[in-house]
């Protein structure tokens, strides 16, 4: 199941980003960039994943994010801890994002609805 989700994420445009139906915590290293949507300014906040590790990110369900890698270093390594059952986790397609219940709950939690 996890492989199917990651294969689908790889096909989604890096410019658009994506969201998941479940909250997760990620720790990673290897020279990647993690962008999370700033809903106030309609832009992206970039977090550099250091090559030596030591970073922990919490991503709420319904939050839009994207992940990109340095061209010279595609060997990023990480671990994700998912709140809930992996088999129940779904990718929220960009076209369905604003009407999805997880997105609406996320926006309510940050005072955007």
PDB file of N, CA and C in Angstrom:
ATOM      1  N   UNK A   1       0.822  -1.201   0.000  1.00  0.00           N
ATOM      2  CA  UNK A   1       0.000   0.000   0.000  1.00  0.00           C
ATOM      3  C   UNK A   1       0.864   1.262   0.000  1.00  0.00           C
ATOM      4  N   UNK A   2       1.894   1.310   0.839  1.00  0.00           N
ATOM      5  CA  UNK A   2       2.764   2.472   0.908  1.00  0.00           C
ATOM      6  C   UNK A   2       3.446   2.755  -0.407  1.00  0.00           C
ATOM      7  N   UNK A   3       3.864   1.700  -1.124  1.00  0.00           N
ATOM      8  CA  UNK A   3       4.518   1.872  -2.412  1.00  0.00           C
ATOM      9  C   UNK A   3       3.572   2.491  -3.428  1.00  0.00           C
ATOM     10  N   UNK A   4       2.306   2.108  -3.391  1.00  0.00           N
ATOM     11  CA  UNK A   4       1.313   2.682  -4.309  1.00  0.00           C
ATOM     12  C   UNK A   4       1.143   4.172  -4.060  1.00  0.00           C
ATOM     13  N   UNK A   5       1.099   4.547  -2.805  1.00  0.00           N
ATOM     14  CA  UNK A   5       0.930   5.962  -2.458  1.00  0.00           C
ATOM     15  C   UNK A   5       2.130   6.768  -2.930  1.00  0.00           C
ATOM     16  N   UNK A   6       3.349   6.288  -2.676  1.00  0.00           N
ATOM     17  CA  UNK A   6       4.541   7.026  -3.079  1.00  0.00           C
ATOM     18  C   UNK A   6       4.682   7.080  -4.595  1.00  0.00           C
ATOM     19  N   UNK A   7       4.265   6.020  -5.299  1.00  0.00           N
ATOM     20  CA  UNK A   7       4.304   6.038  -6.762  1.00  0.00           C
ATOM     21  C   UNK A   7       3.341   7.096  -7.297  1.00  0.00           C
ATOM     22  N   UNK A   8       2.180   7.211  -6.679  1.00  0.00           N
ATOM     23  CA  UNK A   8       1.211   8.217  -7.113  1.00  0.00           C
ATOM     24  C   UNK A   8       1.718   9.630  -6.806  1.00  0.00           C
ATOM     25  N   UNK A   9       2.336   9.811  -5.641  1.00  0.00           N
ATOM     26  CA  UNK A   9       2.892  11.120  -5.300  1.00  0.00           C
ATOM     27  C   UNK A   9       3.951  11.543  -6.306  1.00  0.00           C
ATOM     28  N   UNK A  10       4.732  10.580  -6.785  1.00  0.00           N
ATOM     29  CA  UNK A  10       5.788  10.891  -7.753  1.00  0.00           C
ATOM     30  C   UNK A  10       5.215  11.388  -9.073  1.00  0.00           C
ATOM     31  N   UNK A  11       3.980  11.025  -9.386  1.00  0.00           N
ATOM     32  CA  UNK A  11       3.364  11.445 -10.651  1.00  0.00           C
ATOM     33  C   UNK A  11       2.687  12.802 -10.557  1.00  0.00           C
ATOM     34  N   UNK A  12       2.437  13.282  -9.349  1.00  0.00           N
ATOM     35  CA  UNK A  12       1.766  14.570  -9.169  1.00  0.00           C
ATOM     36  C   UNK A  12       2.786  15.686  -9.381  1.00  0.00           C
ATOM     37  N   UNK A  13       2.366  16.731 -10.013  1.00  0.00           N
ATOM     38  CA  UNK A  13       3.251  17.855 -10.326  1.00  0.00           C
ATOM     39  C   UNK A  13       3.865  18.455  -9.064  1.00  0.00           C
ATOM     40  N   UNK A  14       5.169  18.681  -9.113  1.00  0.00           N
ATOM     41  CA  UNK A  14       5.868  19.313  -8.000  1.00  0.00           C
ATOM     42  C   UNK A  14       5.389  20.751  -7.810  1.00  0.00           C
ATOM     43  N   UNK A  15       4.938  21.387  -8.870  1.00  0.00           N
ATOM     44  CA  UNK A  15       4.451  22.766  -8.763  1.00  0.00           C
ATOM     45  C   UNK A  15       3.130  22.838  -8.023  1.00  0.00           C
ATOM     46  N   UNK A  16       2.277  21.851  -8.214  1.00  0.00           N
ATOM     47  CA  UNK A  16       0.944  21.853  -7.628  1.00  0.00           C
ATOM     48  C   UNK A  16       0.965  21.447  -6.172  1.00  0.00           C
ATOM     49  N   UNK A  17       1.735  20.412  -5.856  1.00  0.00           N
ATOM     50  CA  UNK A  17       1.734  19.875  -4.507  1.00  0.00           C
ATOM     51  C   UNK A  17       0.571  18.927  -4.303  1.00  0.00           C
ATOM     52  N   UNK A  18       0.442  18.426  -3.077  1.00  0.00           N
ATOM     53  CA  UNK A  18      -0.620  17.480  -2.771  1.00  0.00           C
ATOM     54  C   UNK A  18      -0.918  17.556  -1.288  1.00  0.00           C
ATOM     55  N   UNK A  19      -1.923  16.815  -0.873  1.00  0.00           N
ATOM     56  CA  UNK A  19      -2.282  16.711   0.541  1.00  0.00           C
ATOM     57  C   UNK A  19      -2.692  15.262   0.794  1.00  0.00           C
ATOM     58  N   UNK A  20      -2.643  14.869   2.054  1.00  0.00           N
ATOM     59  CA  UNK A  20      -3.050  13.525   2.438  1.00  0.00           C
ATOM     60  C   UNK A  20      -4.206  13.601   3.416  1.00  0.00           C
ATOM     61  N   UNK A  21      -4.954  12.503   3.519  1.00  0.00           N
ATOM     62  CA  UNK A  21      -6.100  12.454   4.421  1.00  0.00           C
ATOM     63  C   UNK A  21      -5.697  12.197   5.866  1.00  0.00           C
ATOM     64  N   UNK A  22      -4.425  11.874   6.117  1.00  0.00           N
ATOM     65  CA  UNK A  22      -3.948  11.568   7.462  1.00  0.00           C
ATOM     66  C   UNK A  22      -2.775  12.470   7.840  1.00  0.00           C
ATOM     67  N   UNK A  23      -2.701  12.790   9.116  1.00  0.00           N
ATOM     68  CA  UNK A  23      -1.555  13.525   9.644  1.00  0.00           C
ATOM     69  C   UNK A  23      -0.339  12.609   9.643  1.00  0.00           C
ATOM     70  N   UNK A  24       0.845  13.183   9.420  1.00  0.00           N
ATOM     71  CA  UNK A  24       2.053  12.379   9.536  1.00  0.00           C
ATOM     72  C   UNK A  24       3.199  13.211  10.080  1.00  0.00           C
ATOM     73  N   UNK A  25       4.175  12.496  10.613  1.00  0.00           N
ATOM     74  CA  UNK A  25       5.411  13.098  11.103  1.00  0.00           C
ATOM     75  C   UNK A  25       6.528  12.513  10.269  1.00  0.00           C
ATOM     76  N   UNK A  26       7.417  13.362   9.795  1.00  0.00           N
ATOM     77  CA  UNK A  26       8.473  12.956   8.883  1.00  0.00           C
ATOM     78  C   UNK A  26       9.822  13.379   9.430  1.00  0.00           C
ATOM     79  N   UNK A  27      10.768  12.480   9.359  1.00  0.00           N
ATOM     80  CA  UNK A  27      12.154  12.839   9.611  1.00  0.00           C
ATOM     81  C   UNK A  27      12.937  12.382   8.389  1.00  0.00           C
ATOM     82  N   UNK A  28      13.779  13.249   7.888  1.00  0.00           N
ATOM     83  CA  UNK A  28      14.481  12.931   6.643  1.00  0.00           C
ATOM     84  C   UNK A  28      15.793  13.682   6.580  1.00  0.00           C
ATOM     85  N   UNK A  29      16.649  13.214   5.710  1.00  0.00           N
ATOM     86  CA  UNK A  29      17.876  13.935   5.404  1.00  0.00           C
ATOM     87  C   UNK A  29      18.288  13.597   3.990  1.00  0.00           C
ATOM     88  N   UNK A  30      19.266  14.302   3.478  1.00  0.00           N
ATOM     89  CA  UNK A  30      19.769  13.998   2.148  1.00  0.00           C
ATOM     90  C   UNK A  30      19.624  15.092   1.129  1.00  0.00           C
ATOM     91  N   UNK A  31      19.427  16.320   1.538  1.00  0.00           N
ATOM     92  CA  UNK A  31      19.425  17.425   0.592  1.00  0.00           C
ATOM     93  C   UNK A  31      18.137  17.617  -0.179  1.00  0.00           C
ATOM     94  N   UNK A  32      17.010  17.388   0.446  1.00  0.00           N
ATOM     95  CA  UNK A  32      15.724  17.624  -0.205  1.00  0.00           C
ATOM     96  C   UNK A  32      15.124  18.921   0.332  1.00  0.00           C
ATOM     97  N   UNK A  33      14.108  19.425  -0.373  1.00  0.00           N
ATOM     98  CA  UNK A  33      13.377  20.600   0.085  1.00  0.00           C
ATOM     99  C   UNK A  33      11.923  20.194   0.295  1.00  0.00           C
ATOM    100  N   UNK A  34      11.375  20.623   1.412  1.00  0.00           N
ATOM    101  CA  UNK A  34       9.991  20.347   1.761  1.00  0.00           C
ATOM    102  C   UNK A  34       9.281  21.686   1.805  1.00  0.00           C
ATOM    103  N   UNK A  35       8.255  21.848   0.984  1.00  0.00           N
ATOM    104  CA  UNK A  35       7.496  23.098   0.951  1.00  0.00           C
ATOM    105  C   UNK A  35       6.098  22.836   1.489  1.00  0.00           C
ATOM    106  N   UNK A  36       5.633  23.715   2.344  1.00  0.00           N
ATOM    107  CA  UNK A  36       4.261  23.634   2.840  1.00  0.00           C
ATOM    108  C   UNK A  36       3.552  24.934   2.470  1.00  0.00           C
ATOM    109  N   UNK A  37       2.294  24.819   2.126  1.00  0.00           N
ATOM    110  CA  UNK A  37       1.513  25.974   1.689  1.00  0.00           C
ATOM    111  C   UNK A  37       1.267  26.939   2.843  1.00  0.00           C
ATOM    112  N   UNK A  38       1.471  28.210   2.584  1.00  0.00           N
ATOM    113  CA  UNK A  38       1.084  29.275   3.506  1.00  0.00           C
ATOM    114  C   UNK A  38      -0.266  29.776   3.014  1.00  0.00           C
ATOM    115  N   UNK A  39      -1.332  29.390   3.698  1.00  0.00           N
ATOM    116  CA  UNK A  39      -2.674  29.737   3.231  1.00  0.00           C
ATOM    117  C   UNK A  39      -2.986  31.219   3.361  1.00  0.00           C
ATOM    118  N   UNK A  40      -2.253  31.937   4.215  1.00  0.00           N
ATOM    119  CA  UNK A  40      -2.491  33.374   4.383  1.00  0.00           C
ATOM    120  C   UNK A  40      -1.994  34.163   3.173  1.00  0.00           C
ATOM    121  N   UNK A  41      -0.791  33.826   2.680  1.00  0.00           N
ATOM    122  CA  UNK A  41      -0.203  34.592   1.583  1.00  0.00           C
ATOM    123  C   UNK A  41      -0.307  33.888   0.232  1.00  0.00           C
ATOM    124  N   UNK A  42      -0.894  32.685   0.238  1.00  0.00           N
ATOM    125  CA  UNK A  42      -1.028  31.914  -1.002  1.00  0.00           C
ATOM    126  C   UNK A  42       0.327  31.650  -1.651  1.00  0.00           C
ATOM    127  N   UNK A  43       1.308  31.318  -0.812  1.00  0.00           N
ATOM    128  CA  UNK A  43       2.652  31.016  -1.298  1.00  0.00           C
ATOM    129  C   UNK A  43       3.152  29.767  -0.570  1.00  0.00           C
ATOM    130  N   UNK A  44       4.424  29.440  -0.778  1.00  0.00           N
ATOM    131  CA  UNK A  44       5.025  28.257  -0.179  1.00  0.00           C
ATOM    132  C   UNK A  44       6.080  28.657   0.836  1.00  0.00           C
ATOM    133  N   UNK A  45       6.159  27.905   1.933  1.00  0.00           N
ATOM    134  CA  UNK A  45       7.209  28.063   2.929  1.00  0.00           C
ATOM    135  C   UNK A  45       8.170  26.893   2.722  1.00  0.00           C
ATOM    136  N   UNK A  46       9.438  27.186   2.457  1.00  0.00           N
ATOM    137  CA  UNK A  46      10.431  26.142   2.172  1.00  0.00           C
ATOM    138  C   UNK A  46      11.199  25.762   3.434  1.00  0.00           C
ATOM    139  N   UNK A  47      11.323  24.458   3.645  1.00  0.00           N
ATOM    140  CA  UNK A  47      12.137  23.908   4.717  1.00  0.00           C
ATOM    141  C   UNK A  47      13.201  23.043   4.060  1.00  0.00           C
ATOM    142  N   UNK A  48      14.455  23.376   4.287  1.00  0.00           N
ATOM    143  CA  UNK A  48      15.560  22.577   3.743  1.00  0.00           C
ATOM    144  C   UNK A  48      15.774  21.373   4.649  1.00  0.00           C
ATOM    145  N   UNK A  49      15.771  20.180   4.071  1.00  0.00           N
ATOM    146  CA  UNK A  49      16.067  18.975   4.841  1.00  0.00           C
ATOM    147  C   UNK A  49      17.580  18.796   4.836  1.00  0.00           C
ATOM    148  N   UNK A  50      18.230  18.957   5.976  1.00  0.00           N
ATOM    149  CA  UNK A  50      19.692  18.942   6.005  1.00  0.00           C
ATOM    150  C   UNK A  50      20.268  17.574   5.638  1.00  0.00           C
ATOM    151  N   UNK A  51      21.449  17.587   5.065  1.00  0.00           N
ATOM    152  CA  UNK A  51      22.079  16.340   4.656  1.00  0.00           C
ATOM    153  C   UNK A  51      22.548  15.514   5.848  1.00  0.00           C
ATOM    154  N   UNK A  52      22.680  16.132   7.013  1.00  0.00           N
ATOM    155  CA  UNK A  52      23.138  15.390   8.185  1.00  0.00           C
ATOM    156  C   UNK A  52      22.005  15.000   9.124  1.00  0.00           C
ATOM    157  N   UNK A  53      20.754  15.219   8.745  1.00  0.00           N
ATOM    158  CA  UNK A  53      19.614  14.816   9.568  1.00  0.00           C
ATOM    159  C   UNK A  53      19.311  15.808  10.671  1.00  0.00           C
ATOM    160  N   UNK A  54      18.484  15.364  11.609  1.00  0.00           N
ATOM    161  CA  UNK A  54      18.165  16.189  12.766  1.00  0.00           C
ATOM    162  C   UNK A  54      16.930  17.057  12.616  1.00  0.00           C
ATOM    163  N   UNK A  55      16.093  16.792  11.619  1.00  0.00           N
ATOM    164  CA  UNK A  55      14.895  17.599  11.420  1.00  0.00           C
ATOM    165  C   UNK A  55      13.658  16.716  11.533  1.00  0.00           C
ATOM    166  N   UNK A  56      12.638  17.202  12.225  1.00  0.00           N
ATOM    167  CA  UNK A  56      11.384  16.486  12.382  1.00  0.00           C
ATOM    168  C   UNK A  56      10.259  17.415  11.953  1.00  0.00           C
ATOM    169  N   UNK A  57       9.421  16.973  11.037  1.00  0.00           N
ATOM    170  CA  UNK A  57       8.317  17.790  10.533  1.00  0.00           C
ATOM    171  C   UNK A  57       6.989  17.125  10.852  1.00  0.00           C
ATOM    172  N   UNK A  58       6.013  17.911  11.277  1.00  0.00           N
ATOM    173  CA  UNK A  58       4.649  17.418  11.480  1.00  0.00           C
ATOM    174  C   UNK A  58       3.780  18.070  10.418  1.00  0.00           C
ATOM    175  N   UNK A  59       3.056  17.235   9.687  1.00  0.00           N
ATOM    176  CA  UNK A  59       2.191  17.739   8.618  1.00  0.00           C
ATOM    177  C   UNK A  59       0.760  17.312   8.915  1.00  0.00           C
ATOM    178  N   UNK A  60      -0.130  18.269   9.169  1.00  0.00           N
ATOM    179  CA  UNK A  60      -1.517  17.918   9.465  1.00  0.00           C
ATOM    180  C   UNK A  60      -2.235  17.368   8.227  1.00  0.00           C
ATOM    181  N   UNK A  61      -3.235  16.540   8.458  1.00  0.00           N
ATOM    182  CA  UNK A  61      -4.087  16.069   7.362  1.00  0.00           C
ATOM    183  C   UNK A  61      -4.706  17.279   6.684  1.00  0.00           C
ATOM    184  N   UNK A  62      -4.745  17.271   5.360  1.00  0.00           N
ATOM    185  CA  UNK A  62      -5.355  18.355   4.605  1.00  0.00           C
ATOM    186  C   UNK A  62      -4.439  19.512   4.276  1.00  0.00           C
ATOM    187  N   UNK A  63      -3.229  19.543   4.859  1.00  0.00           N
ATOM    188  CA  UNK A  63      -2.270  20.597   4.534  1.00  0.00           C
ATOM    189  C   UNK A  63      -1.624  20.279   3.190  1.00  0.00           C
ATOM    190  N   UNK A  64      -1.500  21.269   2.337  1.00  0.00           N
ATOM    191  CA  UNK A  64      -0.902  21.064   1.019  1.00  0.00           C
ATOM    192  C   UNK A  64       0.609  21.235   1.113  1.00  0.00           C
ATOM    193  N   UNK A  65       1.336  20.298   0.540  1.00  0.00           N
ATOM    194  CA  UNK A  65       2.790  20.356   0.577  1.00  0.00           C
ATOM    195  C   UNK A  65       3.375  19.756  -0.688  1.00  0.00           C
ATOM    196  N   UNK A  66       4.666  19.929  -0.855  1.00  0.00           N
ATOM    197  CA  UNK A  66       5.393  19.345  -1.982  1.00  0.00           C
ATOM    198  C   UNK A  66       6.811  19.043  -1.532  1.00  0.00           C
ATOM    199  N   UNK A  67       7.453  18.152  -2.223  1.00  0.00           N
ATOM    200  CA  UNK A  67       8.794  17.708  -1.890  1.00  0.00           C
ATOM    201  C   UNK A  67       9.617  17.698  -3.157  1.00  0.00           C
ATOM    202  N   UNK A  68      10.810  18.267  -3.094  1.00  0.00           N
ATOM    203  CA  UNK A  68      11.691  18.242  -4.264  1.00  0.00           C
ATOM    204  C   UNK A  68      13.099  17.879  -3.803  1.00  0.00           C
ATOM    205  N   UNK A  69      13.897  17.419  -4.745  1.00  0.00           N
ATOM    206  CA  UNK A  69      15.237  16.948  -4.431  1.00  0.00           C
ATOM    207  C   UNK A  69      16.259  17.723  -5.234  1.00  0.00           C
ATOM    208  N   UNK A  70      17.445  17.873  -4.657  1.00  0.00           N
ATOM    209  CA  UNK A  70      18.546  18.466  -5.401  1.00  0.00           C
ATOM    210  C   UNK A  70      18.911  17.511  -6.528  1.00  0.00           C
ATOM    211  N   UNK A  71      19.151  18.040  -7.711  1.00  0.00           N
ATOM    212  CA  UNK A  71      19.441  17.188  -8.868  1.00  0.00           C
ATOM    213  C   UNK A  71      20.675  16.322  -8.664  1.00  0.00           C
ATOM    214  N   UNK A  72      21.648  16.826  -7.959  1.00  0.00           N
ATOM    215  CA  UNK A  72      22.861  16.053  -7.768  1.00  0.00           C
ATOM    216  C   UNK A  72      22.727  15.036  -6.639  1.00  0.00           C
ATOM    217  N   UNK A  73      21.631  15.098  -5.870  1.00  0.00           N
ATOM    218  CA  UNK A  73      21.483  14.197  -4.733  1.00  0.00           C
ATOM    219  C   UNK A  73      20.049  13.695  -4.655  1.00  0.00           C
ATOM    220  N   UNK A  74      19.808  12.552  -5.234  1.00  0.00           N
ATOM    221  CA  UNK A  74      18.473  11.955  -5.186  1.00  0.00           C
ATOM    222  C   UNK A  74      18.409  10.835  -4.156  1.00  0.00           C
ATOM    223  N   UNK A  75      19.328  10.837  -3.201  1.00  0.00           N
ATOM    224  CA  UNK A  75      19.400   9.764  -2.219  1.00  0.00           C
ATOM    225  C   UNK A  75      18.885  10.190  -0.858  1.00  0.00           C
ATOM    226  N   UNK A  76      17.818  10.924  -0.822  1.00  0.00           N
ATOM    227  CA  UNK A  76      17.242  11.329   0.454  1.00  0.00           C
ATOM    228  C   UNK A  76      16.660  10.098   1.151  1.00  0.00           C
ATOM    229  N   UNK A  77      16.799  10.088   2.458  1.00  0.00           N
ATOM    230  CA  UNK A  77      16.319   8.974   3.263  1.00  0.00           C
ATOM    231  C   UNK A  77      15.448   9.551   4.359  1.00  0.00           C
ATOM    232  N   UNK A  78      14.368   8.849   4.682  1.00  0.00           N
ATOM    233  CA  UNK A  78      13.524   9.346   5.742  1.00  0.00           C
ATOM    234  C   UNK A  78      12.587   8.295   6.278  1.00  0.00           C
ATOM    235  N   UNK A  79      11.902   8.668   7.335  1.00  0.00           N
ATOM    236  CA  UNK A  79      10.909   7.807   7.958  1.00  0.00           C
ATOM    237  C   UNK A  79       9.680   8.664   8.200  1.00  0.00           C
ATOM    238  N   UNK A  80       8.512   8.123   7.874  1.00  0.00           N
ATOM    239  CA  UNK A  80       7.257   8.827   8.122  1.00  0.00           C
ATOM    240  C   UNK A  80       6.415   8.011   9.091  1.00  0.00           C
ATOM    241  N   UNK A  81       5.860   8.674  10.080  1.00  0.00           N
ATOM    242  CA  UNK A  81       4.949   8.053  11.031  1.00  0.00           C
ATOM    243  C   UNK A  81       3.560   8.611  10.747  1.00  0.00           C
ATOM    244  N   UNK A  82       2.637   7.741  10.431  1.00  0.00           N
ATOM    245  CA  UNK A  82       1.306   8.156  10.008  1.00  0.00           C
ATOM    246  C   UNK A  82       0.318   7.938  11.141  1.00  0.00           C
ATOM    247  N   UNK A  83      -0.495   8.951  11.407  1.00  0.00           N
ATOM    248  CA  UNK A  83      -1.534   8.832  12.424  1.00  0.00           C
ATOM    249  C   UNK A  83      -2.730   8.148  11.781  1.00  0.00           C
ATOM    250  N   UNK A  84      -3.034   6.965  12.224  1.00  0.00           N
ATOM    251  CA  UNK A  84      -4.132   6.200  11.643  1.00  0.00           C
ATOM    252  C   UNK A  84      -3.603   4.987  10.908  1.00  0.00           C
ATOM    253  N   UNK A  85      -4.444   4.428  10.067  1.00  0.00           N
ATOM    254  CA  UNK A  85      -4.134   3.201   9.346  1.00  0.00           C
ATOM    255  C   UNK A  85      -3.651   3.547   7.945  1.00  0.00           C
ATOM    256  N   UNK A  86      -2.460   3.049   7.579  1.00  0.00           N
ATOM    257  CA  UNK A  86      -1.887   3.340   6.268  1.00  0.00           C
ATOM    258  C   UNK A  86      -2.843   2.954   5.142  1.00  0.00           C
ATOM    259  N   UNK A  87      -3.531   1.846   5.289  1.00  0.00           N
ATOM    260  CA  UNK A  87      -4.451   1.385   4.239  1.00  0.00           C
ATOM    261  C   UNK A  87      -5.600   2.366   4.016  1.00  0.00           C
ATOM    262  N   UNK A  88      -5.906   3.188   5.024  1.00  0.00           N
ATOM    263  CA  UNK A  88      -6.991   4.168   4.900  1.00  0.00           C
ATOM    264  C   UNK A  88      -6.519   5.507   4.357  1.00  0.00           C
ATOM    265  N   UNK A  89      -5.209   5.723   4.298  1.00  0.00           N
ATOM    266  CA  UNK A  89      -4.674   7.006   3.849  1.00  0.00           C
ATOM    267  C   UNK A  89      -4.850   7.168   2.341  1.00  0.00           C
ATOM    268  N   UNK A  90      -5.295   8.330   1.934  1.00  0.00           N
ATOM    269  CA  UNK A  90      -5.500   8.629   0.517  1.00  0.00           C
ATOM    270  C   UNK A  90      -4.814   9.949   0.173  1.00  0.00           C
ATOM    271  N   UNK A  91      -4.412  10.047  -1.084  1.00  0.00           N
ATOM    272  CA  UNK A  91      -3.896  11.305  -1.605  1.00  0.00           C
ATOM    273  C   UNK A  91      -5.082  12.150  -2.037  1.00  0.00           C
ATOM    274  N   UNK A  92      -5.073  13.397  -1.642  1.00  0.00           N
ATOM    275  CA  UNK A  92      -6.128  14.316  -2.077  1.00  0.00           C
ATOM    276  C   UNK A  92      -5.624  15.000  -3.337  1.00  0.00           C
ATOM    277  N   UNK A  93      -6.264  14.724  -4.446  1.00  0.00           N
ATOM    278  CA  UNK A  93      -5.872  15.315  -5.730  1.00  0.00           C
ATOM    279  C   UNK A  93      -6.066  16.829  -5.672  1.00  0.00           C
ATOM    280  N   UNK A  94      -5.184  17.587  -6.330  1.00  0.00           N
ATOM    281  CA  UNK A  94      -5.317  19.052  -6.316  1.00  0.00           C
ATOM    282  C   UNK A  94      -6.701  19.547  -6.742  1.00  0.00           C
ATOM    283  N   UNK A  95      -7.306  18.882  -7.708  1.00  0.00           N
ATOM    284  CA  UNK A  95      -8.628  19.331  -8.180  1.00  0.00           C
ATOM    285  C   UNK A  95      -9.721  19.130  -7.128  1.00  0.00           C
ATOM    286  N   UNK A  96      -9.502  18.218  -6.177  1.00  0.00           N
ATOM    287  CA  UNK A  96     -10.499  17.917  -5.142  1.00  0.00           C
ATOM    288  C   UNK A  96     -10.149  18.543  -3.793  1.00  0.00           C
ATOM    289  N   UNK A  97      -9.023  19.221  -3.715  1.00  0.00           N
ATOM    290  CA  UNK A  97      -8.492  19.663  -2.430  1.00  0.00           C
ATOM    291  C   UNK A  97      -9.452  20.553  -1.655  1.00  0.00           C
ATOM    292  N   UNK A  98      -9.953  21.602  -2.253  1.00  0.00           N
ATOM    293  CA  UNK A  98     -10.744  22.574  -1.504  1.00  0.00           C
ATOM    294  C   UNK A  98     -12.101  22.060  -1.038  1.00  0.00           C
ATOM    295  N   UNK A  99     -12.585  20.984  -1.648  1.00  0.00           N
ATOM    296  CA  UNK A  99     -13.873  20.437  -1.229  1.00  0.00           C
ATOM    297  C   UNK A  99     -13.723  19.205  -0.328  1.00  0.00           C
ATOM    298  N   UNK A 100     -12.503  18.780  -0.059  1.00  0.00           N
ATOM    299  CA  UNK A 100     -12.277  17.567   0.729  1.00  0.00           C
ATOM    300  C   UNK A 100     -12.471  17.845   2.226  1.00  0.00           C
ATOM    301  N   UNK A 101     -13.141  16.938   2.959  1.00  0.00           N
ATOM    302  CA  UNK A 101     -13.361  17.145   4.400  1.00  0.00           C
ATOM    303  C   UNK A 101     -12.070  17.331   5.209  1.00  0.00           C
ATOM    304  N   UNK A 102     -10.995  16.620   4.856  1.00  0.00           N
ATOM    305  CA  UNK A 102      -9.731  16.785   5.593  1.00  0.00           C
ATOM    306  C   UNK A 102      -9.183  18.190   5.392  1.00  0.00           C
ATOM    307  N   UNK A 103      -9.307  18.730   4.192  1.00  0.00           N
ATOM    308  CA  UNK A 103      -8.837  20.093   3.911  1.00  0.00           C
ATOM    309  C   UNK A 103      -9.666  21.113   4.677  1.00  0.00           C
ATOM    310  N   UNK A 104     -10.982  20.926   4.671  1.00  0.00           N
ATOM    311  CA  UNK A 104     -11.863  21.850   5.387  1.00  0.00           C
ATOM    312  C   UNK A 104     -11.555  21.838   6.884  1.00  0.00           C
ATOM    313  N   UNK A 105     -11.310  20.640   7.449  1.00  0.00           N
ATOM    314  CA  UNK A 105     -10.968  20.539   8.864  1.00  0.00           C
ATOM    315  C   UNK A 105      -9.647  21.231   9.150  1.00  0.00           C
ATOM    316  N   UNK A 106      -8.667  21.061   8.257  1.00  0.00           N
ATOM    317  CA  UNK A 106      -7.365  21.722   8.423  1.00  0.00           C
ATOM    318  C   UNK A 106      -7.522  23.238   8.396  1.00  0.00           C
ATOM    319  N   UNK A 107      -8.245  23.755   7.425  1.00  0.00           N
ATOM    320  CA  UNK A 107      -8.438  25.205   7.329  1.00  0.00           C
ATOM    321  C   UNK A 107      -9.175  25.758   8.539  1.00  0.00           C
ATOM    322  N   UNK A 108     -10.169  25.018   9.051  1.00  0.00           N
ATOM    323  CA  UNK A 108     -10.854  25.435  10.283  1.00  0.00           C
ATOM    324  C   UNK A 108      -9.890  25.475  11.461  1.00  0.00           C
ATOM    325  N   UNK A 109      -8.976  24.491  11.522  1.00  0.00           N
ATOM    326  CA  UNK A 109      -8.047  24.412  12.659  1.00  0.00           C
ATOM    327  C   UNK A 109      -7.053  25.573  12.697  1.00  0.00           C
ATOM    328  N   UNK A 110      -6.808  26.197  11.545  1.00  0.00           N
ATOM    329  CA  UNK A 110      -5.893  27.337  11.513  1.00  0.00           C
ATOM    330  C   UNK A 110      -6.632  28.666  11.328  1.00  0.00           C
ATOM    331  N   UNK A 111      -7.961  28.627  11.472  1.00  0.00           N
ATOM    332  CA  UNK A 111      -8.753  29.846  11.425  1.00  0.00           C
ATOM    333  C   UNK A 111      -8.968  30.423  10.047  1.00  0.00           C
ATOM    334  N   UNK A 112      -8.905  29.599   9.015  1.00  0.00           N
ATOM    335  CA  UNK A 112      -9.073  30.082   7.640  1.00  0.00           C
ATOM    336  C   UNK A 112     -10.472  29.879   7.093  1.00  0.00           C
ATOM    337  N   UNK A 113     -11.363  29.294   7.865  1.00  0.00           N
ATOM    338  CA  UNK A 113     -12.753  29.100   7.406  1.00  0.00           C
ATOM    339  C   UNK A 113     -13.682  29.670   8.433  1.00  0.00           C
TER     340      UNK A 113
END
